[in-house]
Amino acid sequence: MTNFDTYTFIKTLQDKGMPEAQAKAISDGLRNCHDSSDYVTKLDIACLEARLDKKISDVLHRQTKMLGGMMIGAITLTTCVLGIDNSV
């Protein structure tokens, strides 16, 4: 999260001729908006990326297991069908 430097902000406004009380009031208002805003940080994105990578890995693992089971079933079925055809 980025920090809002109230001192520098107030000093900048004062250097441009704004009275200190008014500069502080504006700074407080901006600080409140900044603190209550809902924004995404780089850390949030990195955590989300890690969670998505884990979920994708889990799905791929389940799919691999499912496909393996389907292949075994297909081989078993083919063997049974060919075995029945060979005996006739």
PDB file of N, CA and C in Angstrom:
ATOM      1  N   MET A   1       0.849  -1.167   0.000  1.00  0.00           N
ATOM      2  CA  MET A   1       0.000   0.000   0.000  1.00  0.00           C
ATOM      3  C   MET A   1       0.898   1.235   0.000  1.00  0.00           C
ATOM      4  N   THR A   2       0.554   2.210  -0.811  1.00  0.00           N
ATOM      5  CA  THR A   2       1.327   3.445  -0.854  1.00  0.00           C
ATOM      6  C   THR A   2       0.907   4.340   0.298  1.00  0.00           C
ATOM      7  N   ASN A   3       1.843   5.130   0.776  1.00  0.00           N
ATOM      8  CA  ASN A   3       1.561   6.039   1.873  1.00  0.00           C
ATOM      9  C   ASN A   3       1.283   7.437   1.331  1.00  0.00           C
ATOM     10  N   PHE A   4       0.334   8.083   1.941  1.00  0.00           N
ATOM     11  CA  PHE A   4       0.004   9.455   1.591  1.00  0.00           C
ATOM     12  C   PHE A   4       0.766  10.356   2.543  1.00  0.00           C
ATOM     13  N   ASP A   5       1.714  11.118   2.020  1.00  0.00           N
ATOM     14  CA  ASP A   5       2.567  11.979   2.838  1.00  0.00           C
ATOM     15  C   ASP A   5       1.838  13.298   3.095  1.00  0.00           C
ATOM     16  N   THR A   6       1.169  13.381   4.241  1.00  0.00           N
ATOM     17  CA  THR A   6       0.375  14.573   4.551  1.00  0.00           C
ATOM     18  C   THR A   6       1.259  15.798   4.753  1.00  0.00           C
ATOM     19  N   TYR A   7       2.416  15.604   5.359  1.00  0.00           N
ATOM     20  CA  TYR A   7       3.296  16.746   5.609  1.00  0.00           C
ATOM     21  C   TYR A   7       3.715  17.404   4.291  1.00  0.00           C
ATOM     22  N   THR A   8       4.179  16.601   3.344  1.00  0.00           N
ATOM     23  CA  THR A   8       4.613  17.141   2.051  1.00  0.00           C
ATOM     24  C   THR A   8       3.449  17.785   1.319  1.00  0.00           C
ATOM     25  N   PHE A   9       2.288  17.153   1.383  1.00  0.00           N
ATOM     26  CA  PHE A   9       1.110  17.692   0.707  1.00  0.00           C
ATOM     27  C   PHE A   9       0.733  19.060   1.286  1.00  0.00           C
ATOM     28  N   ILE A  10       0.669  19.143   2.610  1.00  0.00           N
ATOM     29  CA  ILE A  10       0.323  20.411   3.276  1.00  0.00           C
ATOM     30  C   ILE A  10       1.384  21.475   2.959  1.00  0.00           C
ATOM     31  N   LYS A  11       2.647  21.096   3.027  1.00  0.00           N
ATOM     32  CA  LYS A  11       3.743  22.030   2.742  1.00  0.00           C
ATOM     33  C   LYS A  11       3.641  22.557   1.317  1.00  0.00           C
ATOM     34  N   THR A  12       3.327  21.700   0.356  1.00  0.00           N
ATOM     35  CA  THR A  12       3.177  22.123  -1.041  1.00  0.00           C
ATOM     36  C   THR A  12       2.056  23.138  -1.178  1.00  0.00           C
ATOM     37  N   LEU A  13       0.932  22.855  -0.538  1.00  0.00           N
ATOM     38  CA  LEU A  13      -0.190  23.797  -0.608  1.00  0.00           C
ATOM     39  C   LEU A  13       0.163  25.130   0.043  1.00  0.00           C
ATOM     40  N   GLN A  14       0.844  25.082   1.162  1.00  0.00           N
ATOM     41  CA  GLN A  14       1.249  26.316   1.843  1.00  0.00           C
ATOM     42  C   GLN A  14       2.244  27.111   0.990  1.00  0.00           C
ATOM     43  N   ASP A  15       3.156  26.423   0.328  1.00  0.00           N
ATOM     44  CA  ASP A  15       4.129  27.099  -0.535  1.00  0.00           C
ATOM     45  C   ASP A  15       3.448  27.828  -1.694  1.00  0.00           C
ATOM     46  N   LYS A  16       2.263  27.347  -2.069  1.00  0.00           N
ATOM     47  CA  LYS A  16       1.502  27.983  -3.153  1.00  0.00           C
ATOM     48  C   LYS A  16       0.572  29.074  -2.629  1.00  0.00           C
ATOM     49  N   GLY A  17       0.645  29.350  -1.314  1.00  0.00           N
ATOM     50  CA  GLY A  17      -0.111  30.452  -0.750  1.00  0.00           C
ATOM     51  C   GLY A  17      -1.371  30.080   0.006  1.00  0.00           C
ATOM     52  N   MET A  18      -1.633  28.807   0.198  1.00  0.00           N
ATOM     53  CA  MET A  18      -2.841  28.391   0.913  1.00  0.00           C
ATOM     54  C   MET A  18      -2.600  28.482   2.416  1.00  0.00           C
ATOM     55  N   PRO A  19      -3.581  28.972   3.164  1.00  0.00           N
ATOM     56  CA  PRO A  19      -3.446  29.013   4.628  1.00  0.00           C
ATOM     57  C   PRO A  19      -3.301  27.597   5.203  1.00  0.00           C
ATOM     58  N   GLU A  20      -2.547  27.503   6.300  1.00  0.00           N
ATOM     59  CA  GLU A  20      -2.255  26.196   6.901  1.00  0.00           C
ATOM     60  C   GLU A  20      -3.527  25.435   7.283  1.00  0.00           C
ATOM     61  N   ALA A  21      -4.489  26.104   7.890  1.00  0.00           N
ATOM     62  CA  ALA A  21      -5.723  25.428   8.319  1.00  0.00           C
ATOM     63  C   ALA A  21      -6.464  24.830   7.125  1.00  0.00           C
ATOM     64  N   GLN A  22      -6.525  25.556   6.038  1.00  0.00           N
ATOM     65  CA  GLN A  22      -7.215  25.064   4.845  1.00  0.00           C
ATOM     66  C   GLN A  22      -6.432  23.892   4.224  1.00  0.00           C
ATOM     67  N   ALA A  23      -5.111  24.028   4.180  1.00  0.00           N
ATOM     68  CA  ALA A  23      -4.275  22.950   3.641  1.00  0.00           C
ATOM     69  C   ALA A  23      -4.435  21.674   4.466  1.00  0.00           C
ATOM     70  N   LYS A  24      -4.492  21.816   5.805  1.00  0.00           N
ATOM     71  CA  LYS A  24      -4.678  20.644   6.670  1.00  0.00           C
ATOM     72  C   LYS A  24      -6.050  20.015   6.461  1.00  0.00           C
ATOM     73  N   ALA A  25      -7.075  20.848   6.294  1.00  0.00           N
ATOM     74  CA  ALA A  25      -8.432  20.326   6.077  1.00  0.00           C
ATOM     75  C   ALA A  25      -8.495  19.530   4.773  1.00  0.00           C
ATOM     76  N   ILE A  26      -7.896  20.051   3.722  1.00  0.00           N
ATOM     77  CA  ILE A  26      -7.880  19.341   2.437  1.00  0.00           C
ATOM     78  C   ILE A  26      -7.080  18.049   2.568  1.00  0.00           C
ATOM     79  N   SER A  27      -5.941  18.126   3.242  1.00  0.00           N
ATOM     80  CA  SER A  27      -5.106  16.943   3.440  1.00  0.00           C
ATOM     81  C   SER A  27      -5.850  15.862   4.216  1.00  0.00           C
ATOM     82  N   ASP A  28      -6.563  16.270   5.284  1.00  0.00           N
ATOM     83  CA  ASP A  28      -7.342  15.302   6.066  1.00  0.00           C
ATOM     84  C   ASP A  28      -8.418  14.641   5.212  1.00  0.00           C
ATOM     85  N   GLY A  29      -9.087  15.427   4.391  1.00  0.00           N
ATOM     86  CA  GLY A  29     -10.126  14.887   3.517  1.00  0.00           C
ATOM     87  C   GLY A  29      -9.564  13.886   2.520  1.00  0.00           C
ATOM     88  N   LEU A  30      -8.447  14.224   1.911  1.00  0.00           N
ATOM     89  CA  LEU A  30      -7.815  13.299   0.963  1.00  0.00           C
ATOM     90  C   LEU A  30      -7.317  12.039   1.659  1.00  0.00           C
ATOM     91  N   ARG A  31      -6.779  12.219   2.847  1.00  0.00           N
ATOM     92  CA  ARG A  31      -6.289  11.067   3.611  1.00  0.00           C
ATOM     93  C   ARG A  31      -7.447  10.110   3.941  1.00  0.00           C
ATOM     94  N   ASN A  32      -8.584  10.663   4.340  1.00  0.00           N
ATOM     95  CA  ASN A  32      -9.760   9.827   4.638  1.00  0.00           C
ATOM     96  C   ASN A  32     -10.228   9.088   3.399  1.00  0.00           C
ATOM     97  N   CYS A  33     -10.240   9.762   2.264  1.00  0.00           N
ATOM     98  CA  CYS A  33     -10.626   9.097   1.008  1.00  0.00           C
ATOM     99  C   CYS A  33      -9.645   7.985   0.669  1.00  0.00           C
ATOM    100  N   HIS A  34      -8.378   8.273   0.829  1.00  0.00           N
ATOM    101  CA  HIS A  34      -7.331   7.297   0.523  1.00  0.00           C
ATOM    102  C   HIS A  34      -7.456   6.077   1.429  1.00  0.00           C
ATOM    103  N   ASP A  35      -7.682   6.320   2.715  1.00  0.00           N
ATOM    104  CA  ASP A  35      -7.772   5.214   3.676  1.00  0.00           C
ATOM    105  C   ASP A  35      -9.014   4.346   3.456  1.00  0.00           C
ATOM    106  N   SER A  36     -10.092   4.954   2.997  1.00  0.00           N
ATOM    107  CA  SER A  36     -11.334   4.195   2.849  1.00  0.00           C
ATOM    108  C   SER A  36     -11.529   3.643   1.439  1.00  0.00           C
ATOM    109  N   SER A  37     -10.615   3.961   0.533  1.00  0.00           N
ATOM    110  CA  SER A  37     -10.781   3.470  -0.840  1.00  0.00           C
ATOM    111  C   SER A  37     -10.450   1.990  -0.917  1.00  0.00           C
ATOM    112  N   ASP A  38     -11.104   1.338  -1.824  1.00  0.00           N
ATOM    113  CA  ASP A  38     -10.899  -0.093  -2.033  1.00  0.00           C
ATOM    114  C   ASP A  38     -10.104  -0.261  -3.318  1.00  0.00           C
ATOM    115  N   TYR A  39      -8.836  -0.574  -3.181  1.00  0.00           N
ATOM    116  CA  TYR A  39      -7.973  -0.699  -4.341  1.00  0.00           C
ATOM    117  C   TYR A  39      -7.137  -1.959  -4.228  1.00  0.00           C
ATOM    118  N   VAL A  40      -6.625  -2.370  -5.352  1.00  0.00           N
ATOM    119  CA  VAL A  40      -5.841  -3.596  -5.416  1.00  0.00           C
ATOM    120  C   VAL A  40      -4.360  -3.232  -5.455  1.00  0.00           C
ATOM    121  N   THR A  41      -3.581  -3.930  -4.673  1.00  0.00           N
ATOM    122  CA  THR A  41      -2.138  -3.704  -4.661  1.00  0.00           C
ATOM    123  C   THR A  41      -1.435  -4.803  -5.458  1.00  0.00           C
ATOM    124  N   LYS A  42      -0.159  -4.603  -5.714  1.00  0.00           N
ATOM    125  CA  LYS A  42       0.637  -5.623  -6.395  1.00  0.00           C
ATOM    126  C   LYS A  42       0.665  -6.910  -5.583  1.00  0.00           C
ATOM    127  N   LEU A  43       0.702  -6.766  -4.265  1.00  0.00           N
ATOM    128  CA  LEU A  43       0.697  -7.950  -3.399  1.00  0.00           C
ATOM    129  C   LEU A  43      -0.615  -8.720  -3.538  1.00  0.00           C
ATOM    130  N   ASP A  44      -1.741  -7.994  -3.634  1.00  0.00           N
ATOM    131  CA  ASP A  44      -3.033  -8.643  -3.832  1.00  0.00           C
ATOM    132  C   ASP A  44      -3.029  -9.456  -5.123  1.00  0.00           C
ATOM    133  N   ILE A  45      -2.484  -8.878  -6.178  1.00  0.00           N
ATOM    134  CA  ILE A  45      -2.441  -9.554  -7.481  1.00  0.00           C
ATOM    135  C   ILE A  45      -1.531 -10.774  -7.411  1.00  0.00           C
ATOM    136  N   ALA A  46      -0.390 -10.645  -6.747  1.00  0.00           N
ATOM    137  CA  ALA A  46       0.530 -11.775  -6.609  1.00  0.00           C
ATOM    138  C   ALA A  46      -0.121 -12.924  -5.838  1.00  0.00           C
ATOM    139  N   CYS A  47      -0.835 -12.602  -4.771  1.00  0.00           N
ATOM    140  CA  CYS A  47      -1.526 -13.641  -3.982  1.00  0.00           C
ATOM    141  C   CYS A  47      -2.613 -14.315  -4.815  1.00  0.00           C
ATOM    142  N   LEU A  48      -3.346 -13.510  -5.571  1.00  0.00           N
ATOM    143  CA  LEU A  48      -4.387 -14.061  -6.426  1.00  0.00           C
ATOM    144  C   LEU A  48      -3.787 -14.965  -7.490  1.00  0.00           C
ATOM    145  N   GLU A  49      -2.665 -14.537  -8.069  1.00  0.00           N
ATOM    146  CA  GLU A  49      -1.994 -15.347  -9.078  1.00  0.00           C
ATOM    147  C   GLU A  49      -1.557 -16.688  -8.498  1.00  0.00           C
ATOM    148  N   ALA A  50      -1.018 -16.673  -7.290  1.00  0.00           N
ATOM    149  CA  ALA A  50      -0.586 -17.913  -6.642  1.00  0.00           C
ATOM    150  C   ALA A  50      -1.767 -18.842  -6.382  1.00  0.00           C
ATOM    151  N   ARG A  51      -2.887 -18.262  -5.929  1.00  0.00           N
ATOM    152  CA  ARG A  51      -4.085 -19.080  -5.684  1.00  0.00           C
ATOM    153  C   ARG A  51      -4.623 -19.678  -6.987  1.00  0.00           C
ATOM    154  N   LEU A  52      -4.626 -18.883  -8.051  1.00  0.00           N
ATOM    155  CA  LEU A  52      -5.101 -19.389  -9.338  1.00  0.00           C
ATOM    156  C   LEU A  52      -4.187 -20.483  -9.872  1.00  0.00           C
ATOM    157  N   ASP A  53      -2.871 -20.297  -9.729  1.00  0.00           N
ATOM    158  CA  ASP A  53      -1.926 -21.333 -10.157  1.00  0.00           C
ATOM    159  C   ASP A  53      -2.188 -22.639  -9.424  1.00  0.00           C
ATOM    160  N   LYS A  54      -2.464 -22.558  -8.128  1.00  0.00           N
ATOM    161  CA  LYS A  54      -2.755 -23.757  -7.332  1.00  0.00           C
ATOM    162  C   LYS A  54      -4.036 -24.429  -7.814  1.00  0.00           C
ATOM    163  N   LYS A  55      -5.079 -23.622  -8.065  1.00  0.00           N
ATOM    164  CA  LYS A  55      -6.340 -24.193  -8.523  1.00  0.00           C
ATOM    165  C   LYS A  55      -6.186 -24.841  -9.898  1.00  0.00           C
ATOM    166  N   ILE A  56      -5.444 -24.196 -10.791  1.00  0.00           N
ATOM    167  CA  ILE A  56      -5.219 -24.758 -12.124  1.00  0.00           C
ATOM    168  C   ILE A  56      -4.464 -26.076 -12.003  1.00  0.00           C
ATOM    169  N   SER A  57      -3.457 -26.109 -11.138  1.00  0.00           N
ATOM    170  CA  SER A  57      -2.694 -27.335 -10.916  1.00  0.00           C
ATOM    171  C   SER A  57      -3.593 -28.449 -10.389  1.00  0.00           C
ATOM    172  N   ASP A  58      -4.478 -28.109  -9.447  1.00  0.00           N
ATOM    173  CA  ASP A  58      -5.412 -29.101  -8.894  1.00  0.00           C
ATOM    174  C   ASP A  58      -6.352 -29.640  -9.968  1.00  0.00           C
ATOM    175  N   VAL A  59      -6.864 -28.756 -10.815  1.00  0.00           N
ATOM    176  CA  VAL A  59      -7.771 -29.183 -11.881  1.00  0.00           C
ATOM    177  C   VAL A  59      -7.039 -30.088 -12.868  1.00  0.00           C
ATOM    178  N   LEU A  60      -5.825 -29.715 -13.242  1.00  0.00           N
ATOM    179  CA  LEU A  60      -5.050 -30.543 -14.164  1.00  0.00           C
ATOM    180  C   LEU A  60      -4.774 -31.921 -13.569  1.00  0.00           C
ATOM    181  N   HIS A  61      -4.484 -31.966 -12.276  1.00  0.00           N
ATOM    182  CA  HIS A  61      -4.237 -33.243 -11.608  1.00  0.00           C
ATOM    183  C   HIS A  61      -5.493 -34.123 -11.639  1.00  0.00           C
ATOM    184  N   ARG A  62      -6.652 -33.523 -11.329  1.00  0.00           N
ATOM    185  CA  ARG A  62      -7.908 -34.284 -11.362  1.00  0.00           C
ATOM    186  C   ARG A  62      -8.214 -34.766 -12.778  1.00  0.00           C
ATOM    187  N   GLN A  63      -7.977 -33.923 -13.768  1.00  0.00           N
ATOM    188  CA  GLN A  63      -8.244 -34.316 -15.155  1.00  0.00           C
ATOM    189  C   GLN A  63      -7.338 -35.470 -15.579  1.00  0.00           C
ATOM    190  N   THR A  64      -6.075 -35.412 -15.158  1.00  0.00           N
ATOM    191  CA  THR A  64      -5.134 -36.477 -15.493  1.00  0.00           C
ATOM    192  C   THR A  64      -5.592 -37.802 -14.890  1.00  0.00           C
ATOM    193  N   LYS A  65      -6.029 -37.752 -13.632  1.00  0.00           N
ATOM    194  CA  LYS A  65      -6.532 -38.970 -12.991  1.00  0.00           C
ATOM    195  C   LYS A  65      -7.775 -39.488 -13.707  1.00  0.00           C
ATOM    196  N   MET A  66      -8.671 -38.575 -14.077  1.00  0.00           N
ATOM    197  CA  MET A  66      -9.898 -38.974 -14.752  1.00  0.00           C
ATOM    198  C   MET A  66      -9.597 -39.593 -16.124  1.00  0.00           C
ATOM    199  N   LEU A  67      -8.710 -38.952 -16.873  1.00  0.00           N
ATOM    200  CA  LEU A  67      -8.353 -39.486 -18.189  1.00  0.00           C
ATOM    201  C   LEU A  67      -7.658 -40.836 -18.071  1.00  0.00           C
ATOM    202  N   GLY A  68      -6.817 -40.986 -17.041  1.00  0.00           N
ATOM    203  CA  GLY A  68      -6.173 -42.282 -16.813  1.00  0.00           C
ATOM    204  C   GLY A  68      -7.203 -43.371 -16.555  1.00  0.00           C
ATOM    205  N   GLY A  69      -8.191 -43.068 -15.733  1.00  0.00           N
ATOM    206  CA  GLY A  69      -9.260 -44.036 -15.460  1.00  0.00           C
ATOM    207  C   GLY A  69     -10.062 -44.364 -16.714  1.00  0.00           C
ATOM    208  N   MET A  70     -10.327 -43.340 -17.530  1.00  0.00           N
ATOM    209  CA  MET A  70     -11.062 -43.573 -18.773  1.00  0.00           C
ATOM    210  C   MET A  70     -10.258 -44.443 -19.741  1.00  0.00           C
ATOM    211  N   MET A  71      -8.931 -44.223 -19.788  1.00  0.00           N
ATOM    212  CA  MET A  71      -8.084 -45.041 -20.667  1.00  0.00           C
ATOM    213  C   MET A  71      -8.071 -46.497 -20.204  1.00  0.00           C
ATOM    214  N   ILE A  72      -7.968 -46.710 -18.901  1.00  0.00           N
ATOM    215  CA  ILE A  72      -7.985 -48.078 -18.365  1.00  0.00           C
ATOM    216  C   ILE A  72      -9.324 -48.739 -18.702  1.00  0.00           C
ATOM    217  N   GLY A  73     -10.417 -47.978 -18.531  1.00  0.00           N
ATOM    218  CA  GLY A  73     -11.735 -48.517 -18.874  1.00  0.00           C
ATOM    219  C   GLY A  73     -11.845 -48.848 -20.349  1.00  0.00           C
ATOM    220  N   ALA A  74     -11.323 -47.970 -21.203  1.00  0.00           N
ATOM    221  CA  ALA A  74     -11.385 -48.214 -22.644  1.00  0.00           C
ATOM    222  C   ALA A  74     -10.546 -49.428 -23.027  1.00  0.00           C
ATOM    223  N   ILE A  75      -9.374 -49.565 -22.424  1.00  0.00           N
ATOM    224  CA  ILE A  75      -8.519 -50.715 -22.718  1.00  0.00           C
ATOM    225  C   ILE A  75      -9.180 -51.999 -22.239  1.00  0.00           C
ATOM    226  N   THR A  76      -9.778 -51.949 -21.053  1.00  0.00           N
ATOM    227  CA  THR A  76     -10.467 -53.125 -20.512  1.00  0.00           C
ATOM    228  C   THR A  76     -11.635 -53.513 -21.412  1.00  0.00           C
ATOM    229  N   LEU A  77     -12.417 -52.523 -21.815  1.00  0.00           N
ATOM    230  CA  LEU A  77     -13.561 -52.790 -22.681  1.00  0.00           C
ATOM    231  C   LEU A  77     -13.108 -53.345 -24.030  1.00  0.00           C
ATOM    232  N   THR A  78     -12.063 -52.769 -24.593  1.00  0.00           N
ATOM    233  CA  THR A  78     -11.541 -53.243 -25.878  1.00  0.00           C
ATOM    234  C   THR A  78     -11.045 -54.678 -25.747  1.00  0.00           C
ATOM    235  N   THR A  79     -10.355 -54.964 -24.657  1.00  0.00           N
ATOM    236  CA  THR A  79      -9.847 -56.311 -24.428  1.00  0.00           C
ATOM    237  C   THR A  79     -10.996 -57.303 -24.309  1.00  0.00           C
ATOM    238  N   CYS A  80     -12.054 -56.915 -23.590  1.00  0.00           N
ATOM    239  CA  CYS A  80     -13.215 -57.811 -23.437  1.00  0.00           C
ATOM    240  C   CYS A  80     -13.898 -58.030 -24.776  1.00  0.00           C
ATOM    241  N   VAL A  81     -14.074 -56.946 -25.539  1.00  0.00           N
ATOM    242  CA  VAL A  81     -14.754 -57.067 -26.846  1.00  0.00           C
ATOM    243  C   VAL A  81     -13.926 -57.912 -27.780  1.00  0.00           C
ATOM    244  N   LEU A  82     -12.636 -57.665 -27.832  1.00  0.00           N
ATOM    245  CA  LEU A  82     -11.778 -58.454 -28.711  1.00  0.00           C
ATOM    246  C   LEU A  82     -11.697 -59.903 -28.251  1.00  0.00           C
ATOM    247  N   GLY A  83     -11.734 -60.086 -26.943  1.00  0.00           N
ATOM    248  CA  GLY A  83     -11.705 -61.439 -26.392  1.00  0.00           C
ATOM    249  C   GLY A  83     -12.974 -62.204 -26.763  1.00  0.00           C
ATOM    250  N   ILE A  84     -14.148 -61.521 -26.760  1.00  0.00           N
ATOM    251  CA  ILE A  84     -15.398 -62.166 -27.122  1.00  0.00           C
ATOM    252  C   ILE A  84     -15.402 -62.456 -28.608  1.00  0.00           C
ATOM    253  N   ASP A  85     -14.914 -61.505 -29.425  1.00  0.00           N
ATOM    254  CA  ASP A  85     -14.869 -61.705 -30.882  1.00  0.00           C
ATOM    255  C   ASP A  85     -13.941 -62.843 -31.246  1.00  0.00           C
ATOM    256  N   ASN A  86     -12.831 -63.005 -30.525  1.00  0.00           N
ATOM    257  CA  ASN A  86     -11.868 -64.063 -30.830  1.00  0.00           C
ATOM    258  C   ASN A  86     -12.405 -65.447 -30.467  1.00  0.00           C
ATOM    259  N   SER A  87     -13.294 -65.500 -29.513  1.00  0.00           N
ATOM    260  CA  SER A  87     -13.805 -66.793 -29.098  1.00  0.00           C
ATOM    261  C   SER A  87     -14.947 -67.272 -29.984  1.00  0.00           C
ATOM    262  N   VAL A  88     -15.496 -66.401 -30.798  1.00  0.00           N
ATOM    263  CA  VAL A  88     -16.621 -66.796 -31.652  1.00  0.00           C
ATOM    264  C   VAL A  88     -16.181 -67.365 -32.942  1.00  0.00           C
TER     265      VAL A  88
END
